[in-house]
PDB file of N, CA and C in Angstrom:
ATOM      1  N   MET A   1     -13.416   4.593 -34.003  1.00  0.00           N
ATOM      2  CA  MET A   1     -13.702   3.841 -32.818  1.00  0.00           C
ATOM      3  C   MET A   1     -12.798   4.102 -31.372  1.00  0.00           C
ATOM      4  N   VAL A   2     -13.549   4.263 -30.293  1.00  0.00           N
ATOM      5  CA  VAL A   2     -12.836   4.763 -29.109  1.00  0.00           C
ATOM      6  C   VAL A   2     -12.068   3.461 -28.592  1.00  0.00           C
ATOM      7  N   ARG A   3     -10.602   3.246 -28.416  1.00  0.00           N
ATOM      8  CA  ARG A   3      -9.667   2.206 -27.495  1.00  0.00           C
ATOM      9  C   ARG A   3      -9.405   2.332 -26.369  1.00  0.00           C
ATOM     10  N   LEU A   4      -9.908   1.461 -25.374  1.00  0.00           N
ATOM     11  CA  LEU A   4      -9.251   1.343 -23.959  1.00  0.00           C
ATOM     12  C   LEU A   4      -7.849   2.067 -24.027  1.00  0.00           C
ATOM     13  N   LYS A   5      -7.142   1.870 -24.460  1.00  0.00           N
ATOM     14  CA  LYS A   5      -5.695   2.270 -24.312  1.00  0.00           C
ATOM     15  C   LYS A   5      -5.777   3.908 -24.756  1.00  0.00           C
ATOM     16  N   ASP A   6      -6.478   4.179 -25.445  1.00  0.00           N
ATOM     17  CA  ASP A   6      -6.775   5.575 -25.373  1.00  0.00           C
ATOM     18  C   ASP A   6      -7.518   6.582 -24.255  1.00  0.00           C
ATOM     19  N   ILE A   7      -8.020   6.238 -23.410  1.00  0.00           N
ATOM     20  CA  ILE A   7      -8.744   6.395 -22.192  1.00  0.00           C
ATOM     21  C   ILE A   7      -7.822   6.577 -20.788  1.00  0.00           C
ATOM     22  N   SER A   8      -7.645   7.864 -20.518  1.00  0.00           N
ATOM     23  CA  SER A   8      -6.877   8.425 -19.217  1.00  0.00           C
ATOM     24  C   SER A   8      -6.088   7.567 -18.721  1.00  0.00           C
ATOM     25  N   ASN A   9      -4.719   7.809 -19.231  1.00  0.00           N
ATOM     26  CA  ASN A   9      -3.447   6.955 -18.681  1.00  0.00           C
ATOM     27  C   ASN A   9      -3.523   7.612 -17.020  1.00  0.00           C
ATOM     28  N   GLU A  10      -4.001   8.568 -16.811  1.00  0.00           N
ATOM     29  CA  GLU A  10      -4.008   9.262 -15.693  1.00  0.00           C
ATOM     30  C   GLU A  10      -4.595   8.150 -14.421  1.00  0.00           C
ATOM     31  N   ARG A  11      -5.562   7.774 -15.037  1.00  0.00           N
ATOM     32  CA  ARG A  11      -6.556   7.206 -14.331  1.00  0.00           C
ATOM     33  C   ARG A  11      -5.814   5.546 -13.916  1.00  0.00           C
ATOM     34  N   VAL A  12      -5.236   5.374 -14.972  1.00  0.00           N
ATOM     35  CA  VAL A  12      -4.764   3.795 -14.681  1.00  0.00           C
ATOM     36  C   VAL A  12      -3.495   4.046 -13.886  1.00  0.00           C
ATOM     37  N   ARG A  13      -2.664   4.973 -13.595  1.00  0.00           N
ATOM     38  CA  ARG A  13      -1.934   5.073 -12.626  1.00  0.00           C
ATOM     39  C   ARG A  13      -2.073   5.134 -10.950  1.00  0.00           C
ATOM     40  N   ALA A  14      -3.341   5.959 -11.115  1.00  0.00           N
ATOM     41  CA  ALA A  14      -3.775   5.927  -9.836  1.00  0.00           C
ATOM     42  C   ALA A  14      -4.419   4.770  -9.520  1.00  0.00           C
ATOM     43  N   TYR A  15      -5.095   3.919 -10.197  1.00  0.00           N
ATOM     44  CA  TYR A  15      -5.453   2.576 -10.140  1.00  0.00           C
ATOM     45  C   TYR A  15      -4.366   1.598  -9.530  1.00  0.00           C
ATOM     46  N   LEU A  16      -3.299   1.794 -10.555  1.00  0.00           N
ATOM     47  CA  LEU A  16      -2.109   0.625 -10.273  1.00  0.00           C
ATOM     48  C   LEU A  16      -1.569   1.102  -8.681  1.00  0.00           C
ATOM     49  N   ASP A  17      -1.276   2.334  -8.823  1.00  0.00           N
ATOM     50  CA  ASP A  17      -0.595   2.826  -7.024  1.00  0.00           C
ATOM     51  C   ASP A  17      -1.793   2.295  -6.168  1.00  0.00           C
ATOM     52  N   GLU A  18      -3.151   2.299  -6.083  1.00  0.00           N
ATOM     53  CA  GLU A  18      -4.035   1.835  -5.102  1.00  0.00           C
ATOM     54  C   GLU A  18      -4.058   0.157  -5.142  1.00  0.00           C
ATOM     55  N   LEU A  19      -3.659  -0.306  -6.247  1.00  0.00           N
ATOM     56  CA  LEU A  19      -3.445  -1.984  -5.932  1.00  0.00           C
ATOM     57  C   LEU A  19      -2.108  -2.020  -5.310  1.00  0.00           C
ATOM     58  N   GLY A  20      -1.122  -1.640  -5.330  1.00  0.00           N
ATOM     59  CA  GLY A  20       0.146  -1.421  -4.797  1.00  0.00           C
ATOM     60  C   GLY A  20       0.054  -1.377  -3.503  1.00  0.00           C
ATOM     61  N   ARG A  21      -0.616  -0.573  -2.889  1.00  0.00           N
ATOM     62  CA  ARG A  21      -0.757  -0.059  -1.820  1.00  0.00           C
ATOM     63  C   ARG A  21      -1.898  -1.528  -0.859  1.00  0.00           C
ATOM     64  N   LEU A  22      -2.561  -2.133  -1.924  1.00  0.00           N
ATOM     65  CA  LEU A  22      -3.520  -3.283  -0.972  1.00  0.00           C
ATOM     66  C   LEU A  22      -2.742  -4.692  -1.370  1.00  0.00           C
ATOM     67  N   TRP A  23      -1.470  -4.705  -1.517  1.00  0.00           N
ATOM     68  CA  TRP A  23      -0.804  -5.894  -1.357  1.00  0.00           C
ATOM     69  C   TRP A  23      -0.330  -6.195   0.189  1.00  0.00           C
ATOM     70  N   PRO A  24      -0.355  -7.644   0.399  1.00  0.00           N
ATOM     71  CA  PRO A  24      -1.013  -8.662  -0.125  1.00  0.00           C
ATOM     72  C   PRO A  24      -2.430  -8.871  -0.283  1.00  0.00           C
ATOM     73  N   ALA A  25      -3.114  -9.658  -1.200  1.00  0.00           N
ATOM     74  CA  ALA A  25      -4.283  -9.654  -1.449  1.00  0.00           C
ATOM     75  C   ALA A  25      -4.838 -10.874  -1.667  1.00  0.00           C
ATOM     76  N   VAL A  26      -5.917 -11.279  -1.395  1.00  0.00           N
ATOM     77  CA  VAL A  26      -6.329 -12.890  -1.548  1.00  0.00           C
ATOM     78  C   VAL A  26      -7.683 -12.837  -1.484  1.00  0.00           C
ATOM     79  N   LYS A  27      -8.370 -13.471  -2.345  1.00  0.00           N
ATOM     80  CA  LYS A  27      -9.665 -14.013  -2.441  1.00  0.00           C
ATOM     81  C   LYS A  27     -10.394 -14.952  -1.865  1.00  0.00           C
ATOM     82  N   GLY A  28     -11.063 -14.731  -0.952  1.00  0.00           N
ATOM     83  CA  GLY A  28     -11.303 -15.981   0.031  1.00  0.00           C
ATOM     84  C   GLY A  28     -12.157 -15.572   1.370  1.00  0.00           C
ATOM     85  N   SER A  29     -12.210 -16.358   2.259  1.00  0.00           N
ATOM     86  CA  SER A  29     -12.866 -16.472   3.631  1.00  0.00           C
ATOM     87  C   SER A  29     -11.740 -17.033   4.672  1.00  0.00           C
ATOM     88  N   LEU A  30     -11.953 -16.235   5.926  1.00  0.00           N
ATOM     89  CA  LEU A  30     -11.377 -16.762   7.133  1.00  0.00           C
ATOM     90  C   LEU A  30     -12.479 -17.251   8.130  1.00  0.00           C
ATOM     91  N   THR A  31     -12.276 -18.283   8.495  1.00  0.00           N
ATOM     92  CA  THR A  31     -13.295 -18.441   9.378  1.00  0.00           C
ATOM     93  C   THR A  31     -12.809 -19.550  11.138  1.00  0.00           C
ATOM     94  N   GLU A  32     -13.131 -18.696  12.085  1.00  0.00           N
ATOM     95  CA  GLU A  32     -12.709 -19.489  13.327  1.00  0.00           C
ATOM     96  C   GLU A  32     -13.955 -20.629  13.590  1.00  0.00           C
ATOM     97  N   VAL A  33     -12.985 -21.951  13.502  1.00  0.00           N
ATOM     98  CA  VAL A  33     -14.071 -22.848  14.249  1.00  0.00           C
ATOM     99  C   VAL A  33     -13.423 -23.681  15.204  1.00  0.00           C
ATOM    100  N   HIS A  34     -14.178 -24.441  15.895  1.00  0.00           N
ATOM    101  CA  HIS A  34     -14.018 -25.178  17.169  1.00  0.00           C
ATOM    102  C   HIS A  34     -14.054 -26.741  16.867  1.00  0.00           C
ATOM    103  N   LYS A  35     -12.891 -27.121  17.213  1.00  0.00           N
ATOM    104  CA  LYS A  35     -12.962 -28.852  16.507  1.00  0.00           C
ATOM    105  C   LYS A  35     -12.220 -29.814  17.686  1.00  0.00           C
ATOM    106  N   PRO A  36     -13.049 -30.809  17.720  1.00  0.00           N
ATOM    107  CA  PRO A  36     -12.071 -31.776  18.727  1.00  0.00           C
ATOM    108  C   PRO A  36     -11.273 -32.233  18.284  1.00  0.00           C
ATOM    109  N   CYS A  37     -10.054 -32.743  18.960  1.00  0.00           N
ATOM    110  CA  CYS A  37      -8.629 -33.171  18.857  1.00  0.00           C
ATOM    111  C   CYS A  37      -8.831 -34.920  18.863  1.00  0.00           C
ATOM    112  N   VAL A  38      -7.664 -35.286  18.532  1.00  0.00           N
ATOM    113  CA  VAL A  38      -7.509 -36.965  18.268  1.00  0.00           C
ATOM    114  C   VAL A  38      -7.141 -37.611  19.750  1.00  0.00           C
ATOM    115  N   ARG A  39      -6.952 -36.759  20.815  1.00  0.00           N
ATOM    116  CA  ARG A  39      -6.427 -37.418  21.930  1.00  0.00           C
ATOM    117  C   ARG A  39      -7.547 -37.855  22.978  1.00  0.00           C
ATOM    118  N   PRO A  40      -7.375 -38.963  23.113  1.00  0.00           N
ATOM    119  CA  PRO A  40      -8.394 -39.505  24.139  1.00  0.00           C
ATOM    120  C   PRO A  40      -8.140 -38.784  25.559  1.00  0.00           C
ATOM    121  N   ASN A  41      -9.368 -38.439  26.237  1.00  0.00           N
ATOM    122  CA  ASN A  41      -8.971 -37.964  27.658  1.00  0.00           C
ATOM    123  C   ASN A  41      -8.772 -36.368  27.753  1.00  0.00           C
ATOM    124  N   CYS A  42      -8.942 -35.585  26.487  1.00  0.00           N
ATOM    125  CA  CYS A  42      -8.735 -34.148  26.328  1.00  0.00           C
ATOM    126  C   CYS A  42      -9.715 -33.158  27.203  1.00  0.00           C
ATOM    127  N   ARG A  43      -9.388 -32.412  28.348  1.00  0.00           N
ATOM    128  CA  ARG A  43     -10.224 -31.699  29.263  1.00  0.00           C
ATOM    129  C   ARG A  43     -11.141 -30.830  28.185  1.00  0.00           C
ATOM    130  N   ALA A  44     -10.052 -30.296  27.226  1.00  0.00           N
ATOM    131  CA  ALA A  44     -11.441 -29.268  26.419  1.00  0.00           C
ATOM    132  C   ALA A  44     -12.270 -29.872  25.902  1.00  0.00           C
ATOM    133  N   CYS A  45     -11.839 -31.166  25.158  1.00  0.00           N
ATOM    134  CA  CYS A  45     -12.779 -31.768  24.260  1.00  0.00           C
ATOM    135  C   CYS A  45     -14.228 -32.082  25.087  1.00  0.00           C
ATOM    136  N   ALA A  46     -13.569 -32.950  26.474  1.00  0.00           N
ATOM    137  CA  ALA A  46     -14.727 -33.627  27.358  1.00  0.00           C
ATOM    138  C   ALA A  46     -15.565 -32.129  27.523  1.00  0.00           C
ATOM    139  N   SER A  47     -15.139 -31.155  28.177  1.00  0.00           N
ATOM    140  CA  SER A  47     -16.149 -30.253  28.618  1.00  0.00           C
ATOM    141  C   SER A  47     -16.900 -29.683  27.557  1.00  0.00           C
ATOM    142  N   GLY A  48     -16.530 -29.669  25.988  1.00  0.00           N
ATOM    143  CA  GLY A  48     -17.344 -29.222  25.134  1.00  0.00           C
ATOM    144  C   GLY A  48     -16.733 -27.929  24.367  1.00  0.00           C
ATOM    145  N   GLU A  49     -15.697 -27.520  25.114  1.00  0.00           N
ATOM    146  CA  GLU A  49     -15.220 -26.265  24.619  1.00  0.00           C
ATOM    147  C   GLU A  49     -14.280 -26.594  23.198  1.00  0.00           C
ATOM    148  N   LYS A  50     -13.425 -27.826  23.103  1.00  0.00           N
ATOM    149  CA  LYS A  50     -12.529 -27.723  21.971  1.00  0.00           C
ATOM    150  C   LYS A  50     -11.806 -27.147  21.436  1.00  0.00           C
ATOM    151  N   HIS A  51     -11.333 -27.055  20.267  1.00  0.00           N
ATOM    152  CA  HIS A  51      -9.846 -26.106  20.147  1.00  0.00           C
ATOM    153  C   HIS A  51     -10.159 -25.163  19.110  1.00  0.00           C
ATOM    154  N   ARG A  52      -9.775 -24.127  19.142  1.00  0.00           N
ATOM    155  CA  ARG A  52      -9.691 -22.986  18.118  1.00  0.00           C
ATOM    156  C   ARG A  52      -9.036 -23.778  17.150  1.00  0.00           C
ATOM    157  N   ALA A  53      -9.506 -23.580  15.732  1.00  0.00           N
ATOM    158  CA  ALA A  53      -8.810 -23.506  14.464  1.00  0.00           C
ATOM    159  C   ALA A  53      -9.555 -22.411  13.577  1.00  0.00           C
ATOM    160  N   PHE A  54      -8.444 -22.352  12.573  1.00  0.00           N
ATOM    161  CA  PHE A  54      -8.956 -21.216  11.361  1.00  0.00           C
ATOM    162  C   PHE A  54      -8.686 -21.757  10.147  1.00  0.00           C
ATOM    163  N   ILE A  55      -9.662 -21.564   9.284  1.00  0.00           N
ATOM    164  CA  ILE A  55      -9.807 -22.486   7.888  1.00  0.00           C
ATOM    165  C   ILE A  55     -10.026 -21.086   6.839  1.00  0.00           C
ATOM    166  N   PHE A  56      -9.424 -21.481   6.174  1.00  0.00           N
ATOM    167  CA  PHE A  56      -9.238 -20.405   4.715  1.00  0.00           C
ATOM    168  C   PHE A  56     -10.054 -21.058   3.630  1.00  0.00           C
ATOM    169  N   SER A  57     -11.054 -20.516   3.113  1.00  0.00           N
ATOM    170  CA  SER A  57     -12.046 -21.078   2.281  1.00  0.00           C
ATOM    171  C   SER A  57     -11.857 -20.244   0.924  1.00  0.00           C
ATOM    172  N   PHE A  58     -11.672 -21.282  -0.275  1.00  0.00           N
ATOM    173  CA  PHE A  58     -11.333 -20.226  -1.456  1.00  0.00           C
ATOM    174  C   PHE A  58     -12.119 -21.022  -2.647  1.00  0.00           C
ATOM    175  N   MET A  59     -12.292 -20.496  -3.751  1.00  0.00           N
ATOM    176  CA  MET A  59     -12.375 -21.309  -4.958  1.00  0.00           C
ATOM    177  C   MET A  59     -11.273 -21.643  -5.931  1.00  0.00           C
ATOM    178  N   GLU A  60     -11.260 -22.763  -6.304  1.00  0.00           N
ATOM    179  CA  GLU A  60     -10.083 -23.299  -7.261  1.00  0.00           C
ATOM    180  C   GLU A  60     -10.810 -24.063  -8.397  1.00  0.00           C
ATOM    181  N   ASN A  61     -10.711 -23.882  -9.722  1.00  0.00           N
ATOM    182  CA  ASN A  61     -11.333 -24.717 -10.763  1.00  0.00           C
ATOM    183  C   ASN A  61     -12.728 -24.607 -10.438  1.00  0.00           C
ATOM    184  N   GLY A  62     -13.605 -23.627  -9.858  1.00  0.00           N
ATOM    185  CA  GLY A  62     -15.104 -23.857  -9.813  1.00  0.00           C
ATOM    186  C   GLY A  62     -15.250 -24.627  -8.540  1.00  0.00           C
ATOM    187  N   ARG A  63     -14.166 -25.246  -7.965  1.00  0.00           N
ATOM    188  CA  ARG A  63     -14.613 -26.064  -6.611  1.00  0.00           C
ATOM    189  C   ARG A  63     -14.394 -25.301  -5.483  1.00  0.00           C
ATOM    190  N   GLN A  64     -15.084 -25.357  -4.391  1.00  0.00           N
ATOM    191  CA  GLN A  64     -14.609 -24.967  -3.091  1.00  0.00           C
ATOM    192  C   GLN A  64     -13.402 -25.344  -2.286  1.00  0.00           C
ATOM    193  N   ARG A  65     -12.600 -25.120  -1.951  1.00  0.00           N
ATOM    194  CA  ARG A  65     -11.302 -25.850  -1.122  1.00  0.00           C
ATOM    195  C   ARG A  65     -11.334 -24.963  -0.037  1.00  0.00           C
ATOM    196  N   CYS A  66     -10.809 -25.721   0.960  1.00  0.00           N
ATOM    197  CA  CYS A  66      -9.888 -25.050   2.381  1.00  0.00           C
ATOM    198  C   CYS A  66      -9.127 -25.500   2.970  1.00  0.00           C
ATOM    199  N   ARG A  67      -8.210 -24.730   3.359  1.00  0.00           N
ATOM    200  CA  ARG A  67      -7.065 -24.847   4.054  1.00  0.00           C
ATOM    201  C   ARG A  67      -6.999 -24.741   5.861  1.00  0.00           C
ATOM    202  N   TYR A  68      -6.452 -25.477   6.379  1.00  0.00           N
ATOM    203  CA  TYR A  68      -6.174 -24.822   7.997  1.00  0.00           C
ATOM    204  C   TYR A  68      -5.338 -23.998   7.839  1.00  0.00           C
ATOM    205  N   VAL A  69      -5.153 -23.043   8.626  1.00  0.00           N
ATOM    206  CA  VAL A  69      -4.017 -21.784   9.053  1.00  0.00           C
ATOM    207  C   VAL A  69      -3.397 -21.601  10.180  1.00  0.00           C
ATOM    208  N   ALA A  70      -2.185 -21.666  10.052  1.00  0.00           N
ATOM    209  CA  ALA A  70      -1.552 -21.597  11.177  1.00  0.00           C
ATOM    210  C   ALA A  70      -1.898 -20.058  12.073  1.00  0.00           C
ATOM    211  N   ARG A  71      -2.148 -20.549  13.361  1.00  0.00           N
ATOM    212  CA  ARG A  71      -2.926 -19.446  14.150  1.00  0.00           C
ATOM    213  C   ARG A  71      -1.632 -18.110  14.179  1.00  0.00           C
ATOM    214  N   GLU A  72      -0.495 -18.411  14.151  1.00  0.00           N
ATOM    215  CA  GLU A  72       0.416 -16.904  13.815  1.00  0.00           C
ATOM    216  C   GLU A  72       0.313 -16.406  12.636  1.00  0.00           C
ATOM    217  N   PHE A  73      -0.237 -16.905  11.429  1.00  0.00           N
ATOM    218  CA  PHE A  73      -0.671 -16.396  10.071  1.00  0.00           C
ATOM    219  C   PHE A  73      -1.830 -15.566  10.016  1.00  0.00           C
ATOM    220  N   VAL A  74      -2.787 -15.700  11.046  1.00  0.00           N
ATOM    221  CA  VAL A  74      -4.347 -15.205  10.803  1.00  0.00           C
ATOM    222  C   VAL A  74      -4.120 -13.736  10.477  1.00  0.00           C
ATOM    223  N   PRO A  75      -3.444 -13.165  11.362  1.00  0.00           N
ATOM    224  CA  PRO A  75      -3.590 -11.831  11.339  1.00  0.00           C
ATOM    225  C   PRO A  75      -3.263 -11.163  10.069  1.00  0.00           C
ATOM    226  N   ALA A  76      -2.004 -11.843   9.341  1.00  0.00           N
ATOM    227  CA  ALA A  76      -1.428 -11.374   7.725  1.00  0.00           C
ATOM    228  C   ALA A  76      -2.951 -11.851   6.913  1.00  0.00           C
ATOM    229  N   LEU A  77      -3.411 -13.266   7.115  1.00  0.00           N
ATOM    230  CA  LEU A  77      -4.175 -13.494   6.125  1.00  0.00           C
ATOM    231  C   LEU A  77      -5.694 -12.609   6.117  1.00  0.00           C
ATOM    232  N   ARG A  78      -5.727 -12.375   7.575  1.00  0.00           N
ATOM    233  CA  ARG A  78      -7.064 -11.386   7.326  1.00  0.00           C
ATOM    234  C   ARG A  78      -7.073 -10.030   6.858  1.00  0.00           C
ATOM    235  N   LYS A  79      -5.720  -9.456   6.954  1.00  0.00           N
ATOM    236  CA  LYS A  79      -5.347  -8.478   6.100  1.00  0.00           C
ATOM    237  C   LYS A  79      -5.385  -8.660   4.801  1.00  0.00           C
ATOM    238  N   ALA A  80      -5.129  -9.784   4.359  1.00  0.00           N
ATOM    239  CA  ALA A  80      -4.882 -10.012   2.835  1.00  0.00           C
ATOM    240  C   ALA A  80      -6.236 -10.273   2.134  1.00  0.00           C
ATOM    241  N   VAL A  81      -7.276 -10.616   2.874  1.00  0.00           N
ATOM    242  CA  VAL A  81      -8.796 -10.854   2.833  1.00  0.00           C
ATOM    243  C   VAL A  81      -9.361  -9.620   2.538  1.00  0.00           C
ATOM    244  N   GLU A  82      -9.254  -8.766   3.466  1.00  0.00           N
ATOM    245  CA  GLU A  82      -9.726  -7.549   3.399  1.00  0.00           C
ATOM    246  C   GLU A  82      -9.298  -6.745   2.460  1.00  0.00           C
ATOM    247  N   ASN A  83      -7.821  -6.614   1.938  1.00  0.00           N
ATOM    248  CA  ASN A  83      -7.138  -6.042   0.933  1.00  0.00           C
ATOM    249  C   ASN A  83      -8.315  -6.825  -0.341  1.00  0.00           C
ATOM    250  N   GLY A  84      -8.483  -7.825  -0.746  1.00  0.00           N
ATOM    251  CA  GLY A  84      -9.079  -8.772  -1.574  1.00  0.00           C
ATOM    252  C   GLY A  84     -10.389  -8.110  -1.829  1.00  0.00           C
ATOM    253  N   ARG A  85     -11.261  -7.654  -0.798  1.00  0.00           N
ATOM    254  CA  ARG A  85     -12.574  -7.125  -0.729  1.00  0.00           C
ATOM    255  C   ARG A  85     -12.494  -5.983  -1.414  1.00  0.00           C
ATOM    256  N   ARG A  86     -11.150  -5.077  -0.821  1.00  0.00           N
ATOM    257  CA  ARG A  86     -11.320  -3.623  -1.331  1.00  0.00           C
ATOM    258  C   ARG A  86     -10.932  -3.185  -2.532  1.00  0.00           C
ATOM    259  N   ILE A  87     -10.167  -4.401  -3.178  1.00  0.00           N
ATOM    260  CA  ILE A  87      -9.913  -4.521  -4.717  1.00  0.00           C
ATOM    261  C   ILE A  87     -11.424  -4.675  -5.491  1.00  0.00           C
ATOM    262  N   GLU A  88     -11.934  -5.563  -5.117  1.00  0.00           N
ATOM    263  CA  GLU A  88     -13.281  -5.889  -5.611  1.00  0.00           C
ATOM    264  C   GLU A  88     -14.123  -4.762  -5.834  1.00  0.00           C
ATOM    265  N   GLU A  89     -14.173  -4.320  -4.477  1.00  0.00           N
ATOM    266  CA  GLU A  89     -15.152  -2.948  -4.907  1.00  0.00           C
ATOM    267  C   GLU A  89     -14.620  -1.941  -5.720  1.00  0.00           C
ATOM    268  N   LEU A  90     -12.916  -1.720  -5.576  1.00  0.00           N
ATOM    269  CA  LEU A  90     -12.308  -0.773  -6.585  1.00  0.00           C
ATOM    270  C   LEU A  90     -12.491  -1.063  -8.054  1.00  0.00           C
ATOM    271  N   MET A  91     -12.505  -2.330  -8.103  1.00  0.00           N
ATOM    272  CA  MET A  91     -13.058  -2.897  -9.663  1.00  0.00           C
ATOM    273  C   MET A  91     -14.431  -2.547  -9.993  1.00  0.00           C
ATOM    274  N   GLY A  92     -15.310  -2.738  -9.092  1.00  0.00           N
ATOM    275  CA  GLY A  92     -16.600  -2.535  -9.535  1.00  0.00           C
ATOM    276  C   GLY A  92     -16.984  -1.016 -10.147  1.00  0.00           C
ATOM    277  N   ARG A  93     -16.280  -0.280  -9.173  1.00  0.00           N
ATOM    278  CA  ARG A  93     -16.098   1.281  -9.162  1.00  0.00           C
ATOM    279  C   ARG A  93     -15.116   1.731 -10.420  1.00  0.00           C
ATOM    280  N   LEU A  94     -14.239   1.290 -10.559  1.00  0.00           N
ATOM    281  CA  LEU A  94     -13.906   1.704 -12.032  1.00  0.00           C
ATOM    282  C   LEU A  94     -14.436   1.290 -13.166  1.00  0.00           C
ATOM    283  N   GLY A  95     -15.420  -0.142 -13.142  1.00  0.00           N
ATOM    284  CA  GLY A  95     -16.277  -0.330 -14.569  1.00  0.00           C
ATOM    285  C   GLY A  95     -17.007   0.792 -14.922  1.00  0.00           C
ATOM    286  N   ASP A  96     -17.625   1.462 -13.727  1.00  0.00           N
ATOM    287  CA  ASP A  96     -18.648   2.627 -13.917  1.00  0.00           C
ATOM    288  C   ASP A  96     -17.769   3.767 -14.578  1.00  0.00           C
ATOM    289  N   GLU A  97     -16.681   4.219 -14.121  1.00  0.00           N
ATOM    290  CA  GLU A  97     -15.771   5.322 -14.206  1.00  0.00           C
ATOM    291  C   GLU A  97     -15.423   4.824 -15.672  1.00  0.00           C
ATOM    292  N   LEU A  98     -15.229   3.386 -16.124  1.00  0.00           N
ATOM    293  CA  LEU A  98     -14.254   3.471 -17.643  1.00  0.00           C
ATOM    294  C   LEU A  98     -15.765   3.835 -18.473  1.00  0.00           C
ATOM    295  N   ILE A  99     -16.675   3.581 -17.959  1.00  0.00           N
ATOM    296  CA  ILE A  99     -18.117   3.727 -19.107  1.00  0.00           C
ATOM    297  C   ILE A  99     -17.907   4.972 -19.016  1.00  0.00           C
ATOM    298  N   GLN A 100     -18.107   6.071 -18.221  1.00  0.00           N
ATOM    299  CA  GLN A 100     -17.977   7.302 -18.300  1.00  0.00           C
ATOM    300  C   GLN A 100     -17.080   7.989 -19.168  1.00  0.00           C
ATOM    301  N   ASP A 101     -15.797   7.581 -18.682  1.00  0.00           N
ATOM    302  CA  ASP A 101     -14.653   7.812 -19.638  1.00  0.00           C
ATOM    303  C   ASP A 101     -14.724   7.541 -21.701  1.00  0.00           C
ATOM    304  N   TYR A 102     -15.096   6.704 -21.620  1.00  0.00           N
ATOM    305  CA  TYR A 102     -15.659   6.165 -22.690  1.00  0.00           C
ATOM    306  C   TYR A 102     -16.600   7.216 -23.043  1.00  0.00           C
ATOM    307  N   ARG A 103     -17.589   7.194 -22.689  1.00  0.00           N
ATOM    308  CA  ARG A 103     -18.429   8.233 -23.185  1.00  0.00           C
ATOM    309  C   ARG A 103     -18.100   9.782 -23.548  1.00  0.00           C
ATOM    310  N   ARG A 104     -17.339  10.089 -22.425  1.00  0.00           N
ATOM    311  CA  ARG A 104     -16.921  11.243 -22.762  1.00  0.00           C
ATOM    312  C   ARG A 104     -15.826  11.516 -23.774  1.00  0.00           C
ATOM    313  N   HIS A 105     -15.106  10.536 -24.118  1.00  0.00           N
ATOM    314  CA  HIS A 105     -13.943  10.623 -24.882  1.00  0.00           C
ATOM    315  C   HIS A 105     -14.879  10.323 -26.569  1.00  0.00           C
ATOM    316  N   ARG A 106     -15.784   9.659 -26.849  1.00  0.00           N
ATOM    317  CA  ARG A 106     -16.647   9.382 -27.744  1.00  0.00           C
ATOM    318  C   ARG A 106     -17.507  10.446 -28.052  1.00  0.00           C
ATOM    319  N   ASP A 107     -18.194  11.165 -27.262  1.00  0.00           N
ATOM    320  CA  ASP A 107     -18.770  12.404 -27.521  1.00  0.00           C
ATOM    321  C   ASP A 107     -17.994  13.634 -27.815  1.00  0.00           C
ATOM    322  N   LYS A 108     -16.614  13.605 -27.535  1.00  0.00           N
ATOM    323  CA  LYS A 108     -15.790  14.763 -27.685  1.00  0.00           C
ATOM    324  C   LYS A 108     -16.119  15.172 -29.533  1.00  0.00           C
ATOM    325  N   GLY A 109     -16.640  16.686 -29.394  1.00  0.00           N
ATOM    326  CA  GLY A 109     -16.771  17.262 -30.690  1.00  0.00           C
ATOM    327  C   GLY A 109     -18.103  16.923 -30.988  1.00  0.00           C
ATOM    328  N   LYS A 110     -19.090  16.052 -30.915  1.00  0.00           N
ATOM    329  CA  LYS A 110     -20.336  15.808 -30.913  1.00  0.00           C
ATOM    330  C   LYS A 110     -21.459  17.029 -30.642  1.00  0.00           C
ATOM    331  N   THR A 111     -22.578  17.263 -31.202  1.00  0.00           N
ATOM    332  CA  THR A 111     -23.146  18.123 -31.002  1.00  0.00           C
ATOM    333  C   THR A 111     -24.715  17.157 -30.558  1.00  0.00           C
ATOM    334  N   GLY A 112     -25.613  17.670 -30.115  1.00  0.00           N
ATOM    335  CA  GLY A 112     -26.910  17.466 -29.720  1.00  0.00           C
ATOM    336  C   GLY A 112     -26.758  16.755 -28.214  1.00  0.00           C
ATOM    337  N   TRP A 113     -27.976  15.966 -28.176  1.00  0.00           N
ATOM    338  CA  TRP A 113     -27.966  15.274 -26.842  1.00  0.00           C
ATOM    339  C   TRP A 113     -27.089  14.396 -26.600  1.00  0.00           C
ATOM    340  N   ARG A 114     -26.652  13.634 -27.272  1.00  0.00           N
ATOM    341  CA  ARG A 114     -25.266  12.779 -26.492  1.00  0.00           C
ATOM    342  C   ARG A 114     -24.277  13.570 -25.967  1.00  0.00           C
ATOM    343  N   ALA A 115     -23.996  14.488 -26.653  1.00  0.00           N
ATOM    344  CA  ALA A 115     -22.726  15.518 -25.881  1.00  0.00           C
ATOM    345  C   ALA A 115     -22.887  16.199 -24.893  1.00  0.00           C
ATOM    346  N   ARG A 116     -24.433  16.340 -24.588  1.00  0.00           N
ATOM    347  CA  ARG A 116     -24.788  16.882 -23.196  1.00  0.00           C
ATOM    348  C   ARG A 116     -24.689  15.532 -22.126  1.00  0.00           C
ATOM    349  N   GLY A 117     -24.929  14.431 -22.242  1.00  0.00           N
ATOM    350  CA  GLY A 117     -24.615  13.113 -21.338  1.00  0.00           C
ATOM    351  C   GLY A 117     -26.124  13.035 -21.164  1.00  0.00           C
ATOM    352  N   LYS A 118     -27.154  13.306 -21.998  1.00  0.00           N
ATOM    353  CA  LYS A 118     -28.549  12.824 -21.734  1.00  0.00           C
ATOM    354  C   LYS A 118     -28.682  11.681 -22.312  1.00  0.00           C
TER     355      LYS A 118
END
């Protein structure tokens, strides 16, 4: 039986290096919204322009959650969201590579159609 730990330690090191370069990472989305404020006689709200705000949406225990984000933290959080998306892509790609590695390892020494990858 082929075990995961038998498959390509070099690939594991490369994966961990890539993860390290993608820190910090989060899963969720960042959205800019325009909301009215609570002040009476606010010119921006009266004109319909309203006030810019940023909301981070994420899943927690199967439920969607949202948090307001301070404007000065938006660039860092944008980068973390993008890094999270890149990690998800990397994980998807690695799933296929893991299966291919497994097949190569399993088929070493076999003859016939399986060894040729058909």
